[in-house]
PDB file of N, CA and C in Angstrom:
ATOM      1  N   UNK A   1     -46.652 -41.782   5.353  1.00  0.00           N
ATOM      2  CA  UNK A   1     -47.892 -40.817   5.611  1.00  0.00           C
ATOM      3  C   UNK A   1     -49.069 -41.391   5.389  1.00  0.00           C
ATOM      4  N   UNK A   2     -50.162 -40.888   6.306  1.00  0.00           N
ATOM      5  CA  UNK A   2     -51.500 -41.748   6.424  1.00  0.00           C
ATOM      6  C   UNK A   2     -52.548 -40.437   6.360  1.00  0.00           C
ATOM      7  N   UNK A   3     -53.039 -40.640   5.333  1.00  0.00           N
ATOM      8  CA  UNK A   3     -53.934 -39.632   5.074  1.00  0.00           C
ATOM      9  C   UNK A   3     -55.427 -40.663   5.418  1.00  0.00           C
ATOM     10  N   UNK A   4     -56.218 -40.109   6.438  1.00  0.00           N
ATOM     11  CA  UNK A   4     -57.509 -41.267   6.770  1.00  0.00           C
ATOM     12  C   UNK A   4     -58.849 -40.759   6.307  1.00  0.00           C
ATOM     13  N   UNK A   5     -58.679 -39.606   5.750  1.00  0.00           N
ATOM     14  CA  UNK A   5     -59.674 -39.407   5.024  1.00  0.00           C
ATOM     15  C   UNK A   5     -59.421 -38.380   3.929  1.00  0.00           C
ATOM     16  N   UNK A   6     -60.172 -38.592   2.443  1.00  0.00           N
ATOM     17  CA  UNK A   6     -60.302 -37.570   1.486  1.00  0.00           C
ATOM     18  C   UNK A   6     -60.276 -35.997   1.763  1.00  0.00           C
ATOM     19  N   UNK A   7     -59.561 -35.253   1.430  1.00  0.00           N
ATOM     20  CA  UNK A   7     -59.715 -34.021   2.172  1.00  0.00           C
ATOM     21  C   UNK A   7     -60.512 -32.964   0.968  1.00  0.00           C
ATOM     22  N   UNK A   8     -61.884 -33.388   1.281  1.00  0.00           N
ATOM     23  CA  UNK A   8     -62.667 -32.446   0.731  1.00  0.00           C
ATOM     24  C   UNK A   8     -62.959 -31.174   1.646  1.00  0.00           C
ATOM     25  N   UNK A   9     -63.462 -30.017   1.163  1.00  0.00           N
ATOM     26  CA  UNK A   9     -63.591 -29.086   2.010  1.00  0.00           C
ATOM     27  C   UNK A   9     -64.874 -28.785   2.513  1.00  0.00           C
ATOM     28  N   UNK A  10     -65.024 -28.562   3.580  1.00  0.00           N
ATOM     29  CA  UNK A  10     -66.219 -28.881   4.718  1.00  0.00           C
ATOM     30  C   UNK A  10     -67.067 -28.000   4.394  1.00  0.00           C
ATOM     31  N   UNK A  11     -68.199 -28.875   4.524  1.00  0.00           N
ATOM     32  CA  UNK A  11     -69.493 -28.523   3.402  1.00  0.00           C
ATOM     33  C   UNK A  11     -70.000 -27.126   4.399  1.00  0.00           C
ATOM     34  N   UNK A  12     -69.373 -26.912   5.569  1.00  0.00           N
ATOM     35  CA  UNK A  12     -69.883 -25.604   6.482  1.00  0.00           C
ATOM     36  C   UNK A  12     -69.433 -24.293   6.117  1.00  0.00           C
ATOM     37  N   UNK A  13     -68.045 -24.337   5.374  1.00  0.00           N
ATOM     38  CA  UNK A  13     -67.687 -23.185   4.917  1.00  0.00           C
ATOM     39  C   UNK A  13     -68.322 -22.499   3.850  1.00  0.00           C
ATOM     40  N   UNK A  14     -68.787 -21.059   4.512  1.00  0.00           N
ATOM     41  CA  UNK A  14     -69.479 -20.270   3.879  1.00  0.00           C
ATOM     42  C   UNK A  14     -68.969 -19.897   2.663  1.00  0.00           C
ATOM     43  N   UNK A  15     -67.788 -19.783   2.306  1.00  0.00           N
ATOM     44  CA  UNK A  15     -66.892 -19.189   0.855  1.00  0.00           C
ATOM     45  C   UNK A  15     -67.224 -20.453   0.008  1.00  0.00           C
ATOM     46  N   UNK A  16     -66.983 -21.770   0.529  1.00  0.00           N
ATOM     47  CA  UNK A  16     -67.509 -22.872  -0.968  1.00  0.00           C
ATOM     48  C   UNK A  16     -69.046 -23.077  -0.709  1.00  0.00           C
ATOM     49  N   UNK A  17     -69.740 -22.780   0.098  1.00  0.00           N
ATOM     50  CA  UNK A  17     -71.186 -22.627   0.518  1.00  0.00           C
ATOM     51  C   UNK A  17     -71.786 -21.748  -1.139  1.00  0.00           C
ATOM     52  N   UNK A  18     -71.253 -20.588  -0.809  1.00  0.00           N
ATOM     53  CA  UNK A  18     -71.547 -19.512  -1.916  1.00  0.00           C
ATOM     54  C   UNK A  18     -71.046 -19.938  -3.007  1.00  0.00           C
ATOM     55  N   UNK A  19     -69.725 -20.418  -2.981  1.00  0.00           N
ATOM     56  CA  UNK A  19     -69.722 -20.622  -4.749  1.00  0.00           C
ATOM     57  C   UNK A  19     -70.133 -22.055  -5.116  1.00  0.00           C
ATOM     58  N   UNK A  20     -70.345 -22.758  -4.533  1.00  0.00           N
ATOM     59  CA  UNK A  20     -71.513 -24.058  -4.832  1.00  0.00           C
ATOM     60  C   UNK A  20     -72.971 -23.397  -5.524  1.00  0.00           C
ATOM     61  N   UNK A  21     -73.384 -22.438  -4.554  1.00  0.00           N
ATOM     62  CA  UNK A  21     -75.044 -21.806  -4.527  1.00  0.00           C
ATOM     63  C   UNK A  21     -74.630 -21.018  -6.334  1.00  0.00           C
ATOM     64  N   UNK A  22     -73.630 -20.443  -6.427  1.00  0.00           N
ATOM     65  CA  UNK A  22     -73.174 -19.634  -7.674  1.00  0.00           C
ATOM     66  C   UNK A  22     -72.727 -20.449  -9.073  1.00  0.00           C
ATOM     67  N   UNK A  23     -72.266 -21.681  -9.004  1.00  0.00           N
ATOM     68  CA  UNK A  23     -72.160 -22.409 -10.079  1.00  0.00           C
ATOM     69  C   UNK A  23     -73.377 -23.803 -10.197  1.00  0.00           C
ATOM     70  N   UNK A  24     -74.062 -23.762  -9.128  1.00  0.00           N
ATOM     71  CA  UNK A  24     -75.561 -24.277  -9.306  1.00  0.00           C
ATOM     72  C   UNK A  24     -76.440 -23.304 -10.130  1.00  0.00           C
ATOM     73  N   UNK A  25     -76.161 -22.120  -9.941  1.00  0.00           N
ATOM     74  CA  UNK A  25     -77.396 -20.911 -10.544  1.00  0.00           C
ATOM     75  C   UNK A  25     -76.679 -21.099 -12.067  1.00  0.00           C
ATOM     76  N   UNK A  26     -75.517 -20.873 -12.035  1.00  0.00           N
ATOM     77  CA  UNK A  26     -74.895 -21.235 -13.917  1.00  0.00           C
ATOM     78  C   UNK A  26     -75.486 -22.320 -14.576  1.00  0.00           C
ATOM     79  N   UNK A  27     -75.745 -23.415 -13.982  1.00  0.00           N
ATOM     80  CA  UNK A  27     -76.007 -24.614 -14.541  1.00  0.00           C
ATOM     81  C   UNK A  27     -74.952 -25.562 -13.837  1.00  0.00           C
ATOM     82  N   UNK A  28     -73.741 -25.671 -13.230  1.00  0.00           N
ATOM     83  CA  UNK A  28     -72.461 -26.362 -13.250  1.00  0.00           C
ATOM     84  C   UNK A  28     -72.668 -27.371 -12.146  1.00  0.00           C
ATOM     85  N   UNK A  29     -72.343 -28.229 -12.300  1.00  0.00           N
ATOM     86  CA  UNK A  29     -71.946 -29.621 -11.123  1.00  0.00           C
ATOM     87  C   UNK A  29     -70.565 -29.026 -10.544  1.00  0.00           C
ATOM     88  N   UNK A  30     -70.874 -28.304  -9.438  1.00  0.00           N
ATOM     89  CA  UNK A  30     -70.212 -27.558  -8.843  1.00  0.00           C
ATOM     90  C   UNK A  30     -69.239 -28.538  -8.280  1.00  0.00           C
ATOM     91  N   UNK A  31     -69.786 -30.091  -7.493  1.00  0.00           N
ATOM     92  CA  UNK A  31     -68.850 -31.147  -7.214  1.00  0.00           C
ATOM     93  C   UNK A  31     -67.923 -31.813  -7.964  1.00  0.00           C
ATOM     94  N   UNK A  32     -68.142 -31.999  -9.014  1.00  0.00           N
ATOM     95  CA  UNK A  32     -67.426 -32.217 -10.280  1.00  0.00           C
ATOM     96  C   UNK A  32     -66.708 -31.337 -11.268  1.00  0.00           C
ATOM     97  N   UNK A  33     -66.943 -29.968 -10.833  1.00  0.00           N
ATOM     98  CA  UNK A  33     -66.399 -28.879 -11.444  1.00  0.00           C
ATOM     99  C   UNK A  33     -65.304 -28.270 -10.585  1.00  0.00           C
ATOM    100  N   UNK A  34     -65.741 -28.182  -9.173  1.00  0.00           N
ATOM    101  CA  UNK A  34     -64.818 -27.475  -8.221  1.00  0.00           C
ATOM    102  C   UNK A  34     -64.496 -28.357  -7.272  1.00  0.00           C
ATOM    103  N   UNK A  35     -65.308 -28.900  -6.583  1.00  0.00           N
ATOM    104  CA  UNK A  35     -64.980 -29.917  -5.334  1.00  0.00           C
ATOM    105  C   UNK A  35     -64.039 -30.814  -5.947  1.00  0.00           C
ATOM    106  N   UNK A  36     -64.058 -31.510  -6.485  1.00  0.00           N
ATOM    107  CA  UNK A  36     -63.590 -32.710  -6.970  1.00  0.00           C
ATOM    108  C   UNK A  36     -62.080 -32.488  -7.280  1.00  0.00           C
ATOM    109  N   UNK A  37     -61.746 -31.348  -8.566  1.00  0.00           N
ATOM    110  CA  UNK A  37     -60.622 -31.474  -9.009  1.00  0.00           C
ATOM    111  C   UNK A  37     -60.052 -30.307  -7.454  1.00  0.00           C
ATOM    112  N   UNK A  38     -60.221 -29.653  -6.801  1.00  0.00           N
ATOM    113  CA  UNK A  38     -60.166 -29.132  -5.231  1.00  0.00           C
ATOM    114  C   UNK A  38     -59.312 -30.138  -4.638  1.00  0.00           C
ATOM    115  N   UNK A  39     -60.223 -30.952  -4.364  1.00  0.00           N
ATOM    116  CA  UNK A  39     -59.754 -32.159  -3.384  1.00  0.00           C
ATOM    117  C   UNK A  39     -58.562 -33.260  -4.252  1.00  0.00           C
ATOM    118  N   UNK A  40     -58.202 -33.264  -5.623  1.00  0.00           N
ATOM    119  CA  UNK A  40     -57.228 -33.827  -6.486  1.00  0.00           C
ATOM    120  C   UNK A  40     -56.049 -33.084  -6.081  1.00  0.00           C
ATOM    121  N   UNK A  41     -56.200 -31.737  -5.988  1.00  0.00           N
ATOM    122  CA  UNK A  41     -54.792 -31.087  -6.005  1.00  0.00           C
ATOM    123  C   UNK A  41     -54.357 -31.196  -4.436  1.00  0.00           C
ATOM    124  N   UNK A  42     -55.341 -31.021  -3.577  1.00  0.00           N
ATOM    125  CA  UNK A  42     -54.827 -31.183  -2.091  1.00  0.00           C
ATOM    126  C   UNK A  42     -54.102 -32.525  -2.094  1.00  0.00           C
ATOM    127  N   UNK A  43     -54.444 -33.743  -2.398  1.00  0.00           N
ATOM    128  CA  UNK A  43     -54.677 -34.944  -2.157  1.00  0.00           C
ATOM    129  C   UNK A  43     -53.034 -35.170  -2.842  1.00  0.00           C
ATOM    130  N   UNK A  44     -52.562 -34.337  -4.169  1.00  0.00           N
ATOM    131  CA  UNK A  44     -51.662 -34.418  -4.647  1.00  0.00           C
ATOM    132  C   UNK A  44     -50.563 -33.797  -3.978  1.00  0.00           C
ATOM    133  N   UNK A  45     -50.575 -32.625  -3.311  1.00  0.00           N
ATOM    134  CA  UNK A  45     -49.794 -31.991  -2.722  1.00  0.00           C
ATOM    135  C   UNK A  45     -49.384 -32.868  -1.506  1.00  0.00           C
ATOM    136  N   UNK A  46     -50.148 -33.181  -0.687  1.00  0.00           N
ATOM    137  CA  UNK A  46     -49.849 -34.456   0.261  1.00  0.00           C
ATOM    138  C   UNK A  46     -48.998 -35.300   0.050  1.00  0.00           C
ATOM    139  N   UNK A  47     -49.275 -35.798  -1.235  1.00  0.00           N
ATOM    140  CA  UNK A  47     -48.075 -37.009  -1.933  1.00  0.00           C
ATOM    141  C   UNK A  47     -47.033 -36.620  -1.961  1.00  0.00           C
ATOM    142  N   UNK A  48     -46.872 -35.490  -2.665  1.00  0.00           N
ATOM    143  CA  UNK A  48     -45.739 -34.675  -3.056  1.00  0.00           C
ATOM    144  C   UNK A  48     -44.659 -34.524  -1.496  1.00  0.00           C
ATOM    145  N   UNK A  49     -45.582 -34.221  -0.622  1.00  0.00           N
ATOM    146  CA  UNK A  49     -45.033 -33.834   0.369  1.00  0.00           C
ATOM    147  C   UNK A  49     -43.898 -35.134   1.468  1.00  0.00           C
ATOM    148  N   UNK A  50     -44.612 -36.545   0.578  1.00  0.00           N
ATOM    149  CA  UNK A  50     -43.718 -37.384   1.222  1.00  0.00           C
ATOM    150  C   UNK A  50     -42.446 -37.868   0.303  1.00  0.00           C
ATOM    151  N   UNK A  51     -42.532 -37.772  -0.775  1.00  0.00           N
ATOM    152  CA  UNK A  51     -40.932 -37.626  -1.635  1.00  0.00           C
ATOM    153  C   UNK A  51     -40.472 -36.490  -2.131  1.00  0.00           C
ATOM    154  N   UNK A  52     -39.136 -35.707  -1.254  1.00  0.00           N
ATOM    155  CA  UNK A  52     -39.008 -34.874  -1.549  1.00  0.00           C
ATOM    156  C   UNK A  52     -37.712 -34.945  -2.776  1.00  0.00           C
ATOM    157  N   UNK A  53     -37.090 -35.739  -3.164  1.00  0.00           N
ATOM    158  CA  UNK A  53     -36.130 -36.157  -4.014  1.00  0.00           C
ATOM    159  C   UNK A  53     -35.733 -37.608  -4.388  1.00  0.00           C
ATOM    160  N   UNK A  54     -34.651 -37.572  -4.998  1.00  0.00           N
ATOM    161  CA  UNK A  54     -34.536 -38.840  -5.763  1.00  0.00           C
ATOM    162  C   UNK A  54     -34.678 -40.140  -4.760  1.00  0.00           C
ATOM    163  N   UNK A  55     -34.003 -39.759  -3.533  1.00  0.00           N
ATOM    164  CA  UNK A  55     -33.474 -40.752  -2.684  1.00  0.00           C
ATOM    165  C   UNK A  55     -34.290 -40.966  -1.227  1.00  0.00           C
ATOM    166  N   UNK A  56     -35.487 -40.008  -1.540  1.00  0.00           N
ATOM    167  CA  UNK A  56     -36.341 -40.629  -0.406  1.00  0.00           C
ATOM    168  C   UNK A  56     -37.582 -41.620  -0.935  1.00  0.00           C
ATOM    169  N   UNK A  57     -37.804 -42.282  -0.094  1.00  0.00           N
ATOM    170  CA  UNK A  57     -38.878 -43.650  -0.033  1.00  0.00           C
ATOM    171  C   UNK A  57     -39.911 -43.429   0.754  1.00  0.00           C
ATOM    172  N   UNK A  58     -40.884 -43.954   0.592  1.00  0.00           N
ATOM    173  CA  UNK A  58     -42.094 -44.290   1.692  1.00  0.00           C
ATOM    174  C   UNK A  58     -43.507 -44.770   1.132  1.00  0.00           C
ATOM    175  N   UNK A  59     -44.295 -44.746   2.038  1.00  0.00           N
ATOM    176  CA  UNK A  59     -45.536 -45.395   1.640  1.00  0.00           C
ATOM    177  C   UNK A  59     -46.498 -44.518   2.202  1.00  0.00           C
ATOM    178  N   UNK A  60     -47.627 -43.997   1.107  1.00  0.00           N
ATOM    179  CA  UNK A  60     -48.568 -43.166   1.317  1.00  0.00           C
ATOM    180  C   UNK A  60     -49.781 -44.134   1.526  1.00  0.00           C
ATOM    181  N   UNK A  61     -50.273 -44.075   2.615  1.00  0.00           N
ATOM    182  CA  UNK A  61     -51.803 -44.848   2.931  1.00  0.00           C
ATOM    183  C   UNK A  61     -52.625 -43.680   2.684  1.00  0.00           C
ATOM    184  N   UNK A  62     -53.732 -43.899   2.325  1.00  0.00           N
ATOM    185  CA  UNK A  62     -54.668 -43.181   1.934  1.00  0.00           C
ATOM    186  C   UNK A  62     -56.140 -44.330   2.505  1.00  0.00           C
ATOM    187  N   UNK A  63     -56.556 -44.089   3.968  1.00  0.00           N
ATOM    188  CA  UNK A  63     -57.514 -44.768   4.398  1.00  0.00           C
ATOM    189  C   UNK A  63     -58.995 -44.805   4.226  1.00  0.00           C
ATOM    190  N   UNK A  64     -59.314 -44.414   3.019  1.00  0.00           N
ATOM    191  CA  UNK A  64     -60.305 -43.787   2.903  1.00  0.00           C
ATOM    192  C   UNK A  64     -61.050 -44.520   1.695  1.00  0.00           C
ATOM    193  N   UNK A  65     -62.146 -45.213   1.996  1.00  0.00           N
ATOM    194  CA  UNK A  65     -62.396 -46.246   1.033  1.00  0.00           C
ATOM    195  C   UNK A  65     -63.083 -45.961  -0.180  1.00  0.00           C
ATOM    196  N   UNK A  66     -63.454 -44.688   0.021  1.00  0.00           N
ATOM    197  CA  UNK A  66     -63.992 -43.927  -1.138  1.00  0.00           C
ATOM    198  C   UNK A  66     -63.201 -43.611  -2.500  1.00  0.00           C
ATOM    199  N   UNK A  67     -61.899 -43.620  -2.078  1.00  0.00           N
ATOM    200  CA  UNK A  67     -60.807 -43.692  -3.165  1.00  0.00           C
ATOM    201  C   UNK A  67     -61.029 -44.825  -4.044  1.00  0.00           C
ATOM    202  N   UNK A  68     -61.685 -46.127  -4.022  1.00  0.00           N
ATOM    203  CA  UNK A  68     -62.170 -47.125  -4.636  1.00  0.00           C
ATOM    204  C   UNK A  68     -63.413 -47.649  -4.527  1.00  0.00           C
ATOM    205  N   UNK A  69     -64.047 -47.263  -3.870  1.00  0.00           N
ATOM    206  CA  UNK A  69     -66.088 -47.555  -4.076  1.00  0.00           C
ATOM    207  C   UNK A  69     -66.447 -46.450  -4.743  1.00  0.00           C
ATOM    208  N   UNK A  70     -65.863 -45.396  -5.223  1.00  0.00           N
ATOM    209  CA  UNK A  70     -67.193 -44.003  -5.244  1.00  0.00           C
ATOM    210  C   UNK A  70     -66.021 -44.272  -6.779  1.00  0.00           C
ATOM    211  N   UNK A  71     -67.253 -43.655  -7.715  1.00  0.00           N
ATOM    212  CA  UNK A  71     -66.810 -43.502  -9.289  1.00  0.00           C
ATOM    213  C   UNK A  71     -65.865 -42.395  -9.189  1.00  0.00           C
ATOM    214  N   UNK A  72     -65.976 -41.092  -8.486  1.00  0.00           N
ATOM    215  CA  UNK A  72     -64.834 -40.261  -8.846  1.00  0.00           C
ATOM    216  C   UNK A  72     -63.459 -40.756  -8.034  1.00  0.00           C
ATOM    217  N   UNK A  73     -63.222 -41.779  -7.302  1.00  0.00           N
ATOM    218  CA  UNK A  73     -62.239 -42.479  -6.821  1.00  0.00           C
ATOM    219  C   UNK A  73     -60.985 -42.594  -7.867  1.00  0.00           C
ATOM    220  N   UNK A  74     -61.621 -43.121  -8.963  1.00  0.00           N
ATOM    221  CA  UNK A  74     -60.693 -43.331 -10.014  1.00  0.00           C
ATOM    222  C   UNK A  74     -60.188 -41.943 -10.501  1.00  0.00           C
ATOM    223  N   UNK A  75     -61.004 -40.945 -10.425  1.00  0.00           N
ATOM    224  CA  UNK A  75     -60.007 -39.450 -10.985  1.00  0.00           C
ATOM    225  C   UNK A  75     -59.381 -38.642 -10.109  1.00  0.00           C
ATOM    226  N   UNK A  76     -59.372 -39.201  -8.912  1.00  0.00           N
ATOM    227  CA  UNK A  76     -58.484 -38.633  -7.737  1.00  0.00           C
ATOM    228  C   UNK A  76     -57.408 -39.628  -7.606  1.00  0.00           C
ATOM    229  N   UNK A  77     -57.485 -41.161  -8.162  1.00  0.00           N
ATOM    230  CA  UNK A  77     -56.092 -41.776  -8.324  1.00  0.00           C
ATOM    231  C   UNK A  77     -54.981 -41.378  -9.745  1.00  0.00           C
ATOM    232  N   UNK A  78     -55.938 -41.299 -10.588  1.00  0.00           N
ATOM    233  CA  UNK A  78     -55.342 -40.828 -12.071  1.00  0.00           C
ATOM    234  C   UNK A  78     -54.568 -39.170 -11.478  1.00  0.00           C
ATOM    235  N   UNK A  79     -55.175 -38.481 -10.563  1.00  0.00           N
ATOM    236  CA  UNK A  79     -54.177 -37.437 -10.267  1.00  0.00           C
ATOM    237  C   UNK A  79     -53.097 -37.546  -9.344  1.00  0.00           C
ATOM    238  N   UNK A  80     -52.758 -38.689  -8.739  1.00  0.00           N
ATOM    239  CA  UNK A  80     -51.798 -38.680  -7.705  1.00  0.00           C
ATOM    240  C   UNK A  80     -50.770 -39.009  -8.630  1.00  0.00           C
ATOM    241  N   UNK A  81     -49.410 -38.705  -7.913  1.00  0.00           N
ATOM    242  CA  UNK A  81     -48.231 -39.255  -8.828  1.00  0.00           C
ATOM    243  C   UNK A  81     -48.142 -40.415  -9.187  1.00  0.00           C
ATOM    244  N   UNK A  82     -47.347 -40.825 -10.735  1.00  0.00           N
ATOM    245  CA  UNK A  82     -47.468 -42.285 -10.857  1.00  0.00           C
ATOM    246  C   UNK A  82     -46.935 -43.038 -10.052  1.00  0.00           C
ATOM    247  N   UNK A  83     -47.466 -43.963  -8.813  1.00  0.00           N
ATOM    248  CA  UNK A  83     -46.841 -44.937  -8.089  1.00  0.00           C
ATOM    249  C   UNK A  83     -47.343 -45.806  -7.999  1.00  0.00           C
ATOM    250  N   UNK A  84     -47.225 -47.172  -7.524  1.00  0.00           N
ATOM    251  CA  UNK A  84     -47.401 -48.455  -7.463  1.00  0.00           C
ATOM    252  C   UNK A  84     -48.642 -48.266  -6.454  1.00  0.00           C
ATOM    253  N   UNK A  85     -49.498 -48.866  -6.621  1.00  0.00           N
ATOM    254  CA  UNK A  85     -50.903 -49.101  -5.992  1.00  0.00           C
ATOM    255  C   UNK A  85     -50.899 -50.526  -4.999  1.00  0.00           C
ATOM    256  N   UNK A  86     -51.493 -50.505  -3.748  1.00  0.00           N
ATOM    257  CA  UNK A  86     -51.161 -51.676  -3.105  1.00  0.00           C
ATOM    258  C   UNK A  86     -52.499 -51.806  -2.258  1.00  0.00           C
ATOM    259  N   UNK A  87     -53.206 -52.727  -2.299  1.00  0.00           N
ATOM    260  CA  UNK A  87     -54.446 -52.639  -1.560  1.00  0.00           C
ATOM    261  C   UNK A  87     -54.258 -54.122  -0.748  1.00  0.00           C
ATOM    262  N   UNK A  88     -53.342 -54.804  -0.616  1.00  0.00           N
ATOM    263  CA  UNK A  88     -53.357 -55.910   0.376  1.00  0.00           C
ATOM    264  C   UNK A  88     -52.067 -55.629   1.261  1.00  0.00           C
ATOM    265  N   UNK A  89     -52.497 -55.908   2.658  1.00  0.00           N
ATOM    266  CA  UNK A  89     -51.902 -55.437   3.460  1.00  0.00           C
ATOM    267  C   UNK A  89     -50.508 -55.829   3.946  1.00  0.00           C
ATOM    268  N   UNK A  90     -50.431 -57.425   3.625  1.00  0.00           N
ATOM    269  CA  UNK A  90     -49.409 -57.732   3.821  1.00  0.00           C
ATOM    270  C   UNK A  90     -48.284 -57.964   2.619  1.00  0.00           C
ATOM    271  N   UNK A  91     -48.932 -57.565   0.949  1.00  0.00           N
ATOM    272  CA  UNK A  91     -48.243 -57.358   0.075  1.00  0.00           C
ATOM    273  C   UNK A  91     -47.360 -55.534   0.178  1.00  0.00           C
ATOM    274  N   UNK A  92     -48.140 -54.962   1.184  1.00  0.00           N
ATOM    275  CA  UNK A  92     -47.647 -53.526   1.528  1.00  0.00           C
ATOM    276  C   UNK A  92     -46.409 -53.602   2.744  1.00  0.00           C
ATOM    277  N   UNK A  93     -46.382 -54.450   3.657  1.00  0.00           N
ATOM    278  CA  UNK A  93     -45.456 -54.338   4.694  1.00  0.00           C
ATOM    279  C   UNK A  93     -44.239 -55.397   4.269  1.00  0.00           C
ATOM    280  N   UNK A  94     -44.071 -56.360   2.784  1.00  0.00           N
ATOM    281  CA  UNK A  94     -43.200 -56.728   2.325  1.00  0.00           C
ATOM    282  C   UNK A  94     -42.761 -55.784   1.347  1.00  0.00           C
ATOM    283  N   UNK A  95     -43.129 -54.968   0.704  1.00  0.00           N
ATOM    284  CA  UNK A  95     -43.119 -54.096  -0.576  1.00  0.00           C
ATOM    285  C   UNK A  95     -41.962 -53.120   0.580  1.00  0.00           C
ATOM    286  N   UNK A  96     -42.549 -52.672   1.775  1.00  0.00           N
ATOM    287  CA  UNK A  96     -42.064 -51.852   2.484  1.00  0.00           C
ATOM    288  C   UNK A  96     -40.722 -52.369   3.064  1.00  0.00           C
ATOM    289  N   UNK A  97     -40.612 -53.427   3.439  1.00  0.00           N
ATOM    290  CA  UNK A  97     -39.575 -53.918   4.218  1.00  0.00           C
ATOM    291  C   UNK A  97     -38.353 -53.917   3.126  1.00  0.00           C
ATOM    292  N   UNK A  98     -39.131 -54.429   1.429  1.00  0.00           N
ATOM    293  CA  UNK A  98     -38.020 -54.565   0.687  1.00  0.00           C
ATOM    294  C   UNK A  98     -37.092 -52.886   0.232  1.00  0.00           C
ATOM    295  N   UNK A  99     -37.965 -52.053   0.097  1.00  0.00           N
ATOM    296  CA  UNK A  99     -37.562 -50.306   0.223  1.00  0.00           C
ATOM    297  C   UNK A  99     -36.743 -50.246   1.342  1.00  0.00           C
ATOM    298  N   UNK A 100     -36.653 -50.863   2.529  1.00  0.00           N
ATOM    299  CA  UNK A 100     -35.985 -50.011   3.464  1.00  0.00           C
ATOM    300  C   UNK A 100     -34.764 -51.024   3.311  1.00  0.00           C
ATOM    301  N   UNK A 101     -34.645 -52.702   2.978  1.00  0.00           N
ATOM    302  CA  UNK A 101     -33.597 -52.905   2.882  1.00  0.00           C
ATOM    303  C   UNK A 101     -32.711 -52.410   1.616  1.00  0.00           C
ATOM    304  N   UNK A 102     -33.286 -51.771   0.494  1.00  0.00           N
ATOM    305  CA  UNK A 102     -32.432 -51.293  -0.685  1.00  0.00           C
ATOM    306  C   UNK A 102     -31.808 -50.087  -0.625  1.00  0.00           C
ATOM    307  N   UNK A 103     -32.577 -49.342   0.571  1.00  0.00           N
ATOM    308  CA  UNK A 103     -31.883 -47.863   0.969  1.00  0.00           C
ATOM    309  C   UNK A 103     -31.339 -47.883   2.186  1.00  0.00           C
ATOM    310  N   UNK A 104     -31.091 -48.813   2.626  1.00  0.00           N
ATOM    311  CA  UNK A 104     -29.931 -48.827   3.912  1.00  0.00           C
ATOM    312  C   UNK A 104     -28.493 -49.553   3.667  1.00  0.00           C
TER     313      UNK A 104
END
């Protein structure tokens, strides 16, 4: 499964815009208290679609560099299911071939 970008809600969504305005009026940081938790939940649901039972295997590729380059990336990574993380493509290919051999 490939996720090309982090699933933040569109800033043009009028409901999101209204919610952000309301939270700002309350002195609440809408990004950290609403948008980031929502994104973490959607990302976790996406990962959950890859592995459904104990015999499933696969690789979740999140191609958005913000996952490692932004400070909030740590929060998003910690909210994903417990799984190995690999940033080297050759290691990723090796691990995938190992998984295929084990499950054939």
